[in-house]
Amino acid sequence: MKKLSLALTLLVVAILAGQLHKSKAAEEDSFRVSEFATIRWGGRENTQLIRPNGKVEKLRALLEKYPRPDGTDDRAYYMNIAANAAAKEGFEFAGMTSDEIVMKRPLAR
């Protein structure tokens, strides 16, 4: 009889422990929320950074600081400079097309 009551007690404790410690598929707080910025190529004079808040910033002043070495592709060189400037603000590469680089960074909570 003692073995039966001990077994039932252990079963009840195991069921209660399982109910209290249910695993969840995904908790809302565990998701990493990001914001995105886009660097749009428009030549050295008209390349733009479109910020997450919708503000458009022309990058002409930044790009003029770095003269392009002879034999270097304009777009590749200046888009690299723009991407590095965005990386200094906490953005990281997310994707690209031939004329755009999409950068992302986690939102502070």
C-alpha atoms as a PDB file:
ATOM      1  CA  MET A   1       0.000   0.000   0.000  1.00  0.00           C
ATOM      2  CA  LYS A   2       2.873   2.377   0.812  1.00  0.00           C
ATOM      3  CA  LYS A   3       4.379   1.726  -2.632  1.00  0.00           C
ATOM      4  CA  LEU A   4       1.089   2.633  -4.323  1.00  0.00           C
ATOM      5  CA  SER A   5       0.669   5.892  -2.396  1.00  0.00           C
ATOM      6  CA  LEU A   6       4.338   6.784  -3.018  1.00  0.00           C
ATOM      7  CA  ALA A   7       3.901   6.103  -6.740  1.00  0.00           C
ATOM      8  CA  LEU A   8       0.713   8.224  -6.881  1.00  0.00           C
ATOM      9  CA  THR A   9       2.410  11.039  -4.963  1.00  0.00           C
ATOM     10  CA  LEU A  10       5.376  10.997  -7.353  1.00  0.00           C
ATOM     11  CA  LEU A  11       3.007  10.957 -10.342  1.00  0.00           C
ATOM     12  CA  VAL A  12       1.077  13.966  -9.032  1.00  0.00           C
ATOM     13  CA  VAL A  13       4.312  15.874  -8.304  1.00  0.00           C
ATOM     14  CA  ALA A  14       5.630  15.086 -11.797  1.00  0.00           C
ATOM     15  CA  ILE A  15       2.406  16.283 -13.429  1.00  0.00           C
ATOM     16  CA  LEU A  16       2.384  19.506 -11.404  1.00  0.00           C
ATOM     17  CA  ALA A  17       6.053  20.142 -12.167  1.00  0.00           C
ATOM     18  CA  GLY A  18       5.346  19.595 -15.863  1.00  0.00           C
ATOM     19  CA  GLN A  19       2.453  22.062 -15.773  1.00  0.00           C
ATOM     20  CA  LEU A  20       4.527  24.722 -14.021  1.00  0.00           C
ATOM     21  CA  HIS A  21       7.467  24.332 -16.363  1.00  0.00           C
ATOM     22  CA  LYS A  22       5.716  24.199 -19.738  1.00  0.00           C
ATOM     23  CA  SER A  23       8.001  25.067 -22.606  1.00  0.00           C
ATOM     24  CA  LYS A  24       6.748  27.708 -24.978  1.00  0.00           C
ATOM     25  CA  ALA A  25       7.332  27.747 -28.717  1.00  0.00           C
ATOM     26  CA  ALA A  26       8.607  31.298 -28.638  1.00  0.00           C
ATOM     27  CA  GLU A  27       8.440  33.995 -26.057  1.00  0.00           C
ATOM     28  CA  GLU A  28       7.765  37.509 -27.290  1.00  0.00           C
ATOM     29  CA  ASP A  29      10.766  38.928 -25.465  1.00  0.00           C
ATOM     30  CA  SER A  30      13.132  36.481 -27.135  1.00  0.00           C
ATOM     31  CA  PHE A  31      12.546  37.855 -30.631  1.00  0.00           C
ATOM     32  CA  ARG A  32      15.208  40.229 -31.837  1.00  0.00           C
ATOM     33  CA  VAL A  33      13.516  43.249 -33.326  1.00  0.00           C
ATOM     34  CA  SER A  34      15.532  45.126 -35.943  1.00  0.00           C
ATOM     35  CA  GLU A  35      15.296  48.371 -37.845  1.00  0.00           C
ATOM     36  CA  PHE A  36      16.536  48.791 -41.397  1.00  0.00           C
ATOM     37  CA  ALA A  37      18.323  51.457 -43.403  1.00  0.00           C
ATOM     38  CA  THR A  38      18.936  51.498 -47.160  1.00  0.00           C
ATOM     39  CA  ILE A  39      21.889  52.978 -49.000  1.00  0.00           C
ATOM     40  CA  ARG A  40      20.769  53.919 -52.509  1.00  0.00           C
ATOM     41  CA  TRP A  41      23.385  54.475 -55.210  1.00  0.00           C
ATOM     42  CA  GLY A  42      22.856  57.582 -57.319  1.00  0.00           C
ATOM     43  CA  GLY A  43      26.408  58.465 -58.257  1.00  0.00           C
ATOM     44  CA  ARG A  44      28.879  60.177 -55.952  1.00  0.00           C
ATOM     45  CA  GLU A  45      26.779  63.350 -55.904  1.00  0.00           C
ATOM     46  CA  ASN A  46      23.405  61.745 -55.252  1.00  0.00           C
ATOM     47  CA  THR A  47      23.926  58.608 -53.117  1.00  0.00           C
ATOM     48  CA  GLN A  48      21.481  58.547 -50.205  1.00  0.00           C
ATOM     49  CA  LEU A  49      21.010  56.838 -46.872  1.00  0.00           C
ATOM     50  CA  ILE A  50      17.351  56.198 -46.110  1.00  0.00           C
ATOM     51  CA  ARG A  51      17.127  55.910 -42.334  1.00  0.00           C
ATOM     52  CA  PRO A  52      14.660  53.722 -40.397  1.00  0.00           C
ATOM     53  CA  ASN A  53      12.558  56.779 -39.486  1.00  0.00           C
ATOM     54  CA  GLY A  54      12.158  57.698 -43.179  1.00  0.00           C
ATOM     55  CA  LYS A  55      14.633  60.570 -43.141  1.00  0.00           C
ATOM     56  CA  VAL A  56      16.754  60.710 -46.314  1.00  0.00           C
ATOM     57  CA  GLU A  57      20.347  61.794 -45.898  1.00  0.00           C
ATOM     58  CA  LYS A  58      22.497  62.669 -48.913  1.00  0.00           C
ATOM     59  CA  LEU A  59      25.996  61.250 -48.566  1.00  0.00           C
ATOM     60  CA  ARG A  60      27.780  63.624 -50.964  1.00  0.00           C
ATOM     61  CA  ALA A  61      29.789  65.348 -48.202  1.00  0.00           C
ATOM     62  CA  LEU A  62      30.934  62.000 -46.803  1.00  0.00           C
ATOM     63  CA  LEU A  63      31.902  60.559 -50.180  1.00  0.00           C
ATOM     64  CA  GLU A  64      33.829  63.674 -51.227  1.00  0.00           C
ATOM     65  CA  LYS A  65      36.191  63.132 -48.279  1.00  0.00           C
ATOM     66  CA  TYR A  66      37.540  59.989 -49.961  1.00  0.00           C
ATOM     67  CA  PRO A  67      38.976  60.479 -53.465  1.00  0.00           C
ATOM     68  CA  ARG A  68      38.574  57.370 -55.586  1.00  0.00           C
ATOM     69  CA  PRO A  69      41.844  55.653 -56.525  1.00  0.00           C
ATOM     70  CA  ASP A  70      42.497  55.285 -60.265  1.00  0.00           C
ATOM     71  CA  GLY A  71      41.195  52.060 -61.735  1.00  0.00           C
ATOM     72  CA  THR A  72      38.577  51.551 -58.996  1.00  0.00           C
ATOM     73  CA  ASP A  73      34.877  51.182 -59.767  1.00  0.00           C
ATOM     74  CA  ASP A  74      32.908  54.248 -58.577  1.00  0.00           C
ATOM     75  CA  ARG A  75      29.877  52.387 -57.316  1.00  0.00           C
ATOM     76  CA  ALA A  76      31.754  49.636 -55.489  1.00  0.00           C
ATOM     77  CA  TYR A  77      34.183  52.060 -53.854  1.00  0.00           C
ATOM     78  CA  TYR A  78      31.665  54.622 -52.653  1.00  0.00           C
ATOM     79  CA  MET A  79      29.027  52.088 -51.595  1.00  0.00           C
ATOM     80  CA  ASN A  80      31.703  50.443 -49.455  1.00  0.00           C
ATOM     81  CA  ILE A  81      32.455  53.769 -47.772  1.00  0.00           C
ATOM     82  CA  ALA A  82      28.728  54.352 -47.152  1.00  0.00           C
ATOM     83  CA  ALA A  83      28.252  50.828 -45.719  1.00  0.00           C
ATOM     84  CA  ASN A  84      31.199  51.312 -43.368  1.00  0.00           C
ATOM     85  CA  ALA A  85      29.761  54.638 -42.185  1.00  0.00           C
ATOM     86  CA  ALA A  86      26.443  52.910 -41.419  1.00  0.00           C
ATOM     87  CA  ALA A  87      28.311  50.097 -39.631  1.00  0.00           C
ATOM     88  CA  LYS A  88      29.878  52.677 -37.308  1.00  0.00           C
ATOM     89  CA  GLU A  89      26.317  53.504 -36.217  1.00  0.00           C
ATOM     90  CA  GLY A  90      25.613  49.868 -35.310  1.00  0.00           C
ATOM     91  CA  PHE A  91      24.142  48.673 -38.613  1.00  0.00           C
ATOM     92  CA  GLU A  92      25.182  45.402 -40.200  1.00  0.00           C
ATOM     93  CA  PHE A  93      24.708  44.067 -43.709  1.00  0.00           C
ATOM     94  CA  ALA A  94      21.302  42.530 -44.435  1.00  0.00           C
ATOM     95  CA  GLY A  95      21.106  42.299 -48.236  1.00  0.00           C
ATOM     96  CA  MET A  96      21.754  44.064 -51.498  1.00  0.00           C
ATOM     97  CA  THR A  97      20.836  44.621 -55.117  1.00  0.00           C
ATOM     98  CA  SER A  98      23.019  46.207 -57.763  1.00  0.00           C
ATOM     99  CA  ASP A  99      22.013  49.728 -56.635  1.00  0.00           C
ATOM    100  CA  GLU A 100      21.105  49.304 -52.965  1.00  0.00           C
ATOM    101  CA  ILE A 101      22.566  47.951 -49.748  1.00  0.00           C
ATOM    102  CA  VAL A 102      20.157  47.148 -46.930  1.00  0.00           C
ATOM    103  CA  MET A 103      21.573  47.427 -43.422  1.00  0.00           C
ATOM    104  CA  LYS A 104      19.939  46.424 -40.128  1.00  0.00           C
ATOM    105  CA  ARG A 105      20.525  46.912 -36.417  1.00  0.00           C
ATOM    106  CA  PRO A 106      18.697  45.639 -33.351  1.00  0.00           C
ATOM    107  CA  LEU A 107      16.248  47.975 -31.683  1.00  0.00           C
ATOM    108  CA  ALA A 108      16.987  48.922 -28.108  1.00  0.00           C
ATOM    109  CA  ARG A 109      14.204  47.791 -25.784  1.00  0.00           C
END
